[in-house]
Protein backbone atom coordinates (compact mmCIF):
# COMPACT_ATOMS: atom_id res chain seq x y z
CA MET A 1 129.93 128.09 123.34
CA THR A 2 127.05 126.96 121.21
CA GLN A 3 128.87 123.42 119.58
CA GLY A 4 129.45 124.30 115.37
CA ALA A 5 127.22 122.37 113.05
CA GLY A 6 129.23 119.68 112.39
CA GLN A 7 131.75 119.76 115.12
CA GLY A 8 132.86 116.50 117.03
CA PRO A 9 131.19 116.20 120.46
CA ALA A 10 133.20 116.95 123.59
CA VAL A 11 135.55 114.49 124.87
CA ARG A 12 134.05 112.66 128.16
CA THR A 13 135.43 109.98 130.32
CA ALA A 14 134.15 106.62 129.56
CA THR A 15 132.02 105.55 132.12
CA LEU A 16 129.24 102.55 132.69
CA ARG A 17 126.70 104.41 130.64
CA ASP A 18 128.48 103.59 127.85
CA PHE A 19 126.13 101.07 126.12
CA ARG A 20 127.92 98.52 123.62
CA VAL A 21 125.00 97.14 121.39
CA PRO A 22 124.31 92.95 122.33
CA PRO A 23 124.53 90.90 119.31
CA TYR A 24 120.38 90.94 119.40
CA ALA A 25 120.48 94.77 118.38
CA GLN A 26 122.85 93.90 115.71
CA ALA A 27 120.12 92.48 113.40
CA PRO A 28 117.35 94.12 111.89
CA ILE A 29 114.96 95.05 114.39
CA PRO A 30 111.28 94.04 113.92
CA GLU A 31 108.81 96.59 112.79
CA GLN A 32 107.35 98.68 115.43
CA ALA A 33 105.70 102.20 116.17
CA GLY A 34 107.39 104.78 116.09
CA ALA A 35 115.26 121.70 113.38
CA TYR A 36 113.77 123.72 114.14
CA GLY A 37 111.57 125.61 111.72
CA ILE A 38 108.75 127.55 111.53
CA ASP A 39 105.06 127.12 111.15
CA GLU A 40 104.68 129.09 107.89
CA GLU A 41 108.15 128.81 105.87
CA PRO A 42 108.34 129.39 102.40
CA GLU A 43 108.18 126.73 100.30
CA GLY A 44 111.24 124.31 100.17
CA TYR A 45 112.72 126.53 103.38
CA THR A 46 115.26 124.62 105.25
CA PRO A 47 115.08 125.39 108.93
CA THR A 48 117.70 126.20 111.25
CA GLN A 49 118.10 126.33 114.86
CA ARG A 50 118.77 130.20 114.47
CA ASP A 51 114.57 130.22 113.41
CA LEU A 52 113.13 129.92 116.98
CA PRO A 53 111.33 133.32 118.15
CA VAL A 54 110.63 134.13 121.38
CA ILE A 55 107.33 133.56 122.14
CA GLY A 56 105.17 135.94 124.53
CA ARG A 57 102.39 134.66 126.85
CA GLY A 58 99.18 136.25 127.60
CA GLY A 59 95.47 135.85 125.99
CA PRO A 60 94.40 133.02 123.92
CA GLY A 61 96.74 130.29 123.95
CA ASP A 62 97.94 131.08 126.95
CA THR A 63 99.31 127.83 128.59
CA VAL A 64 100.26 126.30 132.20
CA GLN A 65 103.28 123.97 133.44
CA VAL A 66 102.50 121.18 135.30
CA THR A 67 105.54 119.89 137.86
CA VAL A 68 105.23 116.04 137.72
CA GLN A 69 105.79 114.04 140.91
CA THR A 70 107.64 110.98 140.71
CA GLU A 71 107.58 108.06 143.00
CA PRO A 72 111.17 107.68 144.08
CA GLU A 73 111.34 104.03 143.35
CA PRO A 74 108.36 103.13 141.42
CA ARG A 75 107.31 99.26 140.91
CA PHE A 76 105.98 97.65 138.23
CA ALA A 77 103.90 94.35 137.91
CA ASN A 78 105.42 91.75 136.36
CA GLY A 79 102.17 89.66 135.31
CA GLU A 80 99.84 89.87 132.50
CA GLY A 81 98.15 93.16 131.31
CA LEU A 82 99.14 96.58 130.44
CA GLY A 83 101.33 98.33 132.40
CA PRO A 84 102.11 102.01 133.35
CA LEU A 85 102.70 104.40 130.35
CA PHE A 86 105.72 106.73 129.94
CA VAL A 87 106.36 108.95 127.37
CA VAL A 88 110.15 110.71 126.85
CA GLY A 89 110.77 114.04 125.10
CA ASP A 90 113.41 114.84 122.53
CA VAL A 91 116.94 113.37 123.39
CA HIS A 92 119.41 114.71 120.81
CA GLY A 93 122.18 112.94 121.83
CA TYR A 94 122.13 113.71 125.44
CA LEU A 95 122.73 109.89 126.62
CA ASP A 96 124.07 110.48 130.15
CA GLN A 97 120.55 113.21 130.68
CA LEU A 98 118.67 110.05 129.30
CA ILE A 99 119.87 107.74 131.69
CA ASP A 100 119.71 109.77 134.61
CA ALA A 101 116.06 110.35 133.64
CA LEU A 102 115.06 106.93 132.56
CA ALA A 103 116.80 105.68 136.09
CA GLU A 104 114.73 108.39 138.15
CA GLN A 105 111.38 106.95 136.95
CA GLY A 106 112.97 103.47 137.73
CA LEU A 107 112.42 101.95 133.73
CA ILE A 108 116.23 100.96 134.08
CA ASP A 109 118.69 99.69 136.54
CA ALA A 110 121.96 100.82 137.79
CA GLU A 111 123.78 99.11 135.05
CA GLY A 112 121.11 100.70 132.51
CA GLN A 113 118.77 97.38 131.95
CA TRP A 114 115.35 97.67 131.63
CA ALA A 115 113.90 97.51 135.26
CA ALA A 116 110.02 98.45 134.52
CA GLY A 117 108.53 94.95 133.97
CA ASN A 118 105.32 95.01 131.79
CA ALA A 119 105.65 99.29 131.48
CA ARG A 120 105.26 101.29 128.32
CA LEU A 121 107.81 103.64 127.22
CA TRP A 122 107.29 105.62 124.20
CA PHE A 123 109.88 108.06 122.57
CA LEU A 124 109.04 110.75 120.84
CA GLY A 125 111.52 110.83 117.94
CA ASP A 126 114.59 113.13 117.67
CA PHE A 127 117.75 110.65 119.23
CA THR A 128 120.27 112.57 116.88
CA ASP A 129 121.99 116.00 116.58
CA ARG A 130 123.04 118.40 118.76
CA GLY A 131 124.14 116.29 121.26
CA PRO A 132 127.33 114.50 121.94
CA ASP A 133 126.16 110.86 121.43
CA GLY A 134 123.03 110.18 119.39
CA ILE A 135 124.14 107.34 117.81
CA GLY A 136 124.59 105.94 121.97
CA VAL A 137 120.89 107.12 122.24
CA ILE A 138 119.65 105.25 119.28
CA ASP A 139 121.85 101.64 120.76
CA LEU A 140 120.10 102.30 123.95
CA VAL A 141 116.61 102.32 122.85
CA MET A 142 117.57 99.56 120.59
CA ARG A 143 118.28 97.71 123.29
CA LEU A 144 115.57 98.50 126.03
CA SER A 145 112.81 97.51 123.13
CA ALA A 146 114.29 94.23 123.17
CA GLN A 147 114.83 94.01 126.90
CA ALA A 148 111.17 95.43 127.36
CA ALA A 149 109.39 92.57 125.48
CA ALA A 150 111.40 90.03 127.00
CA ALA A 151 109.78 91.15 130.52
CA GLY A 152 106.31 91.91 129.37
CA GLY A 153 106.22 95.53 128.13
CA TYR A 154 107.63 97.44 125.45
CA CYS A 155 109.32 100.11 124.75
CA LYS A 156 108.81 101.92 121.13
CA ALA A 157 109.49 105.20 119.40
CA LEU A 158 108.18 107.48 116.96
CA MET A 159 110.00 109.02 114.20
CA GLY A 160 111.01 112.54 114.16
CA ASN A 161 111.97 115.23 111.70
CA HIS A 162 115.50 114.64 112.80
CA GLU A 163 115.31 110.54 111.90
CA LEU A 164 114.41 111.76 108.57
CA LEU A 165 117.07 114.26 108.04
CA LEU A 166 120.12 111.42 109.17
CA ILE A 167 118.11 109.06 106.82
CA GLY A 168 118.36 111.54 103.90
CA ALA A 169 121.81 113.21 104.69
CA ARG A 170 123.30 109.19 104.46
CA ARG A 171 121.22 108.42 101.43
CA PHE A 172 121.13 111.26 99.22
CA GLY A 173 124.00 113.52 100.79
CA ASP A 174 124.85 116.44 98.72
CA THR A 175 122.48 115.37 95.96
CA PRO A 176 120.34 118.66 95.10
CA VAL A 177 116.51 118.29 96.11
CA ASN A 178 113.30 120.56 94.91
CA SER A 179 113.59 122.84 97.51
CA GLY A 180 111.42 125.84 95.40
CA ALA A 181 113.83 127.77 97.37
CA GLY A 182 117.13 127.58 95.08
CA THR A 183 119.57 124.69 95.59
CA ALA A 184 119.01 122.41 98.88
CA THR A 185 120.69 119.42 100.20
CA PHE A 186 120.48 116.65 102.64
CA GLN A 187 123.70 117.02 103.82
CA ALA A 188 123.48 120.95 104.63
CA ALA A 189 120.53 120.78 106.13
CA TRP A 190 122.15 118.22 108.17
CA LEU A 191 124.95 120.35 109.03
CA LEU A 192 122.57 123.24 109.65
CA ASN A 193 120.48 121.56 112.06
CA GLY A 194 123.59 120.33 114.55
CA GLY A 195 124.90 117.51 112.75
CA GLN A 196 127.79 115.53 114.73
CA LYS A 197 130.42 113.94 112.31
CA SER A 198 130.92 111.16 115.03
CA ASP A 199 127.55 110.51 114.40
CA MET A 200 127.38 109.74 111.03
CA ASP A 201 130.76 108.31 111.12
CA ARG A 202 129.05 105.49 113.96
CA LEU A 203 126.22 105.35 111.90
CA GLN A 204 125.62 101.26 110.48
CA ASP A 205 122.59 99.76 108.52
CA VAL A 206 120.98 98.21 111.38
CA HIS A 207 120.33 102.23 112.73
CA LEU A 208 119.04 103.11 109.22
CA GLN A 209 116.79 100.07 109.19
CA TRP A 210 115.87 101.05 112.27
CA MET A 211 114.96 104.30 112.35
CA SER A 212 113.44 103.89 108.65
CA ARG A 213 110.74 101.65 110.47
CA LEU A 214 109.46 103.84 112.99
CA ASP A 215 106.06 105.08 112.44
CA ALA A 216 105.01 108.62 112.71
CA VAL A 217 101.75 108.72 114.71
CA ALA A 218 100.55 106.79 117.73
CA LEU A 219 97.41 105.98 119.85
CA GLU A 220 98.39 104.85 123.18
CA ASP A 221 95.48 104.93 125.86
CA SER A 222 93.85 108.10 125.24
CA HIS A 223 96.89 110.22 124.07
CA LEU A 224 97.90 110.62 120.56
CA LEU A 225 101.35 110.96 120.30
CA THR A 226 103.41 112.28 117.44
CA HIS A 227 106.99 113.96 117.24
CA SER A 228 105.85 117.47 115.56
CA ASP A 229 103.17 119.45 116.51
CA THR A 230 102.04 120.11 113.37
CA THR A 231 99.07 119.35 111.03
CA ALA A 232 100.92 118.15 108.61
CA TYR A 233 100.49 114.85 109.39
CA LEU A 234 97.09 115.12 108.09
CA ASP A 235 98.46 115.56 104.25
CA TYR A 236 99.66 111.51 104.60
CA GLY A 237 96.37 110.23 105.41
CA SER A 238 92.92 110.07 107.38
CA THR A 239 93.95 107.18 109.70
CA ILE A 240 96.74 106.33 111.57
CA GLU A 241 97.57 103.07 109.69
CA ASP A 242 97.52 105.25 106.38
CA VAL A 243 100.01 108.00 107.89
CA ASN A 244 102.60 105.55 108.81
CA ASP A 245 102.03 103.47 105.56
CA THR A 246 102.21 106.45 103.42
CA ILE A 247 105.19 107.33 104.99
CA HIS A 248 107.14 104.13 104.88
CA ALA A 249 106.09 103.79 101.36
CA ILE A 250 108.02 107.25 100.71
CA LEU A 251 111.21 106.03 102.30
CA THR A 252 111.11 102.67 100.74
CA ARG A 253 110.71 104.30 97.23
CA ASN A 254 114.06 106.34 98.00
CA ASP A 255 113.58 109.21 96.35
CA ALA A 256 115.58 112.44 97.73
CA ASP A 257 112.60 114.94 96.58
CA GLU A 258 109.81 112.84 98.59
CA CYS A 259 112.00 112.38 101.45
CA TRP A 260 112.47 116.14 101.23
CA ASP A 261 108.90 116.77 101.41
CA VAL A 262 108.21 114.70 104.13
CA PHE A 263 111.32 116.38 106.33
CA ARG A 264 110.10 119.66 105.35
CA LYS A 265 106.22 119.24 106.50
CA LEU A 266 107.01 117.44 109.65
CA THR A 267 109.43 120.15 110.79
CA LYS A 268 106.47 122.69 111.05
CA ARG A 269 105.77 123.79 114.66
CA PHE A 270 103.79 125.85 116.45
CA ALA A 271 100.41 125.08 115.26
CA PHE A 272 98.53 124.11 118.51
CA ARG A 273 99.39 127.72 120.38
CA ASP A 274 97.67 130.71 119.77
CA GLU A 275 94.64 131.62 118.47
CA GLY A 276 93.02 128.57 116.65
CA GLY A 277 95.28 126.10 118.47
CA SER A 278 92.98 124.51 120.17
CA GLN A 279 90.83 123.77 117.12
CA ALA A 280 94.13 122.30 115.39
CA VAL A 281 94.53 119.81 117.96
CA ARG A 282 90.69 118.95 117.78
CA ASP A 283 91.67 118.50 113.75
CA LEU A 284 93.85 115.83 114.25
CA LEU A 285 92.10 114.20 117.40
CA GLU A 286 89.13 113.58 115.09
CA ALA A 287 90.70 112.09 112.53
CA TYR A 288 93.17 109.21 114.73
CA GLY A 289 91.32 109.19 118.23
CA GLY A 290 92.20 110.01 121.50
CA GLU A 291 91.93 113.19 124.14
CA ARG A 292 94.83 115.17 124.43
CA ILE A 293 98.30 114.97 122.05
CA VAL A 294 101.20 114.89 123.29
CA HIS A 295 104.32 116.04 121.28
CA GLY A 296 107.98 116.83 121.30
CA HIS A 297 109.45 119.00 118.54
CA SER A 298 109.17 122.81 119.96
CA PRO A 299 110.95 123.10 123.04
CA ILE A 300 108.98 124.07 126.25
CA PRO A 301 111.36 127.32 127.20
CA TYR A 302 110.32 128.67 123.57
CA LEU A 303 106.58 128.04 124.16
CA LEU A 304 106.96 130.06 127.57
CA GLY A 305 108.35 132.69 126.26
CA GLN A 306 111.98 131.95 128.32
CA VAL A 307 115.02 132.93 127.01
CA GLY A 308 117.73 130.13 127.68
CA ASN A 309 121.63 130.29 128.10
CA GLU A 310 122.87 128.31 124.83
CA SER A 311 125.92 128.54 125.64
CA SER A 312 125.28 125.95 127.65
CA GLU A 313 124.09 123.21 125.70
CA ASP A 314 125.95 121.11 127.25
CA GLY A 315 123.49 120.56 129.93
CA ASP A 316 126.11 120.66 132.77
CA GLY A 317 125.60 124.08 134.01
CA GLY A 318 124.61 127.79 133.86
CA SER A 319 121.36 129.50 134.05
CA GLY A 320 119.20 127.24 131.85
CA PRO A 321 115.53 128.12 131.40
CA ASN A 322 113.36 126.89 134.03
CA VAL A 323 111.87 123.62 133.01
CA GLU A 324 109.84 121.58 135.56
CA GLY A 325 107.69 119.75 133.82
CA PRO A 326 105.60 118.71 130.77
CA HIS A 327 103.97 122.09 129.17
CA VAL A 328 99.91 122.08 128.90
CA TYR A 329 98.42 124.23 126.86
CA ALA A 330 95.63 124.60 123.78
CA ASP A 331 92.16 124.99 126.33
CA GLY A 332 94.49 121.66 127.97
CA LEU A 333 94.17 119.48 124.61
CA ALA A 334 98.31 119.30 123.97
CA ILE A 335 101.02 118.27 126.14
CA ALA A 336 104.55 119.50 124.79
CA MET A 337 107.21 117.19 126.14
CA ASP A 338 110.85 118.65 124.53
CA GLY A 339 112.38 120.50 127.95
CA GLY A 340 114.60 122.09 125.74
CA VAL A 341 118.13 119.96 126.80
CA THR A 342 119.80 121.24 124.19
CA MET A 343 119.66 124.61 125.74
CA ALA A 344 120.58 123.71 129.01
CA GLY A 345 116.84 122.73 129.91
CA LYS A 346 115.52 119.21 131.32
CA LEU A 347 115.14 115.91 129.55
CA LEU A 348 111.69 114.56 130.18
CA VAL A 349 110.51 111.51 131.01
CA VAL A 350 106.62 111.24 132.68
CA GLN A 351 104.33 108.96 133.31
CA LEU A 352 100.36 109.36 131.24
CA PRO A 353 98.18 110.41 132.25
CA LEU A 354 99.43 113.57 133.65
CA GLN A 355 97.80 114.39 137.30
CA ASP A 356 97.17 118.31 136.45
């Protein structure tokens, strides 16, 4: 049965995966680079999980799926220079699946500690909501960030729409926002989009500070990294620095209506599919650089037209969608990374560039 909005997560037995945050992660983290909706919604629309359509295949925007070949035990250099680049799709509170995926790529060891030397690891956002342990996911990413830096690599993250939603729910609660379509609040939107009471109860100032400092856009090698498959980033600046500075400034001003507008815009999706999708990607690449865009946000099963078994949201069984790897589309210019873990799909951790 699909977990209801606001309900507590299923009880699970504690394991070594239940990490506690060490002392160095209980202080403000240095500034670092870094819901479901529809692409064209009414002004002020509050997106919910039910709004995901089934997308048919064929014709313009037809796509391919890439099966990722991984080394059983990859080795990473510990000397100077840049190590291999990895990206992680939407996690949504599925801590156990994240640990398994990171370990499979050799990025962490059996105790969950950073084991990748000078490798580079980017999370594409959406750490919380829907799944059982969003705060545990954030704690793990914060800890790995410190460990990776000490080893000569780095672990960074982008801001997703669910980070904006959780920040807004804590800061503004039931304060009405100017949605343009009646009364709306961050608290109501958070609950509708899978907000978990256990996450809110465990949310601390250090988590809020860390999320608020995440960047929205980053460029690594020839890859433009974003959370959402939308061109709305262009509304916030003509350069990556402008976009990130503008969104940080909005969060700093702490205005509910301004924060809601950012959340609403970064919840849009599907800008890169079908006819005109490749041009939308090119518009972003022309503004911000890179040769391909890599994003999360829109689950691959919906981009493929698959219908997942949403009764298996714990990811422990059921006939979920068939997700083998990232989804390459828009004339090969876009790579989708949300494997649909909330619908028993797959939590993706892959190395770039893809061997396709």
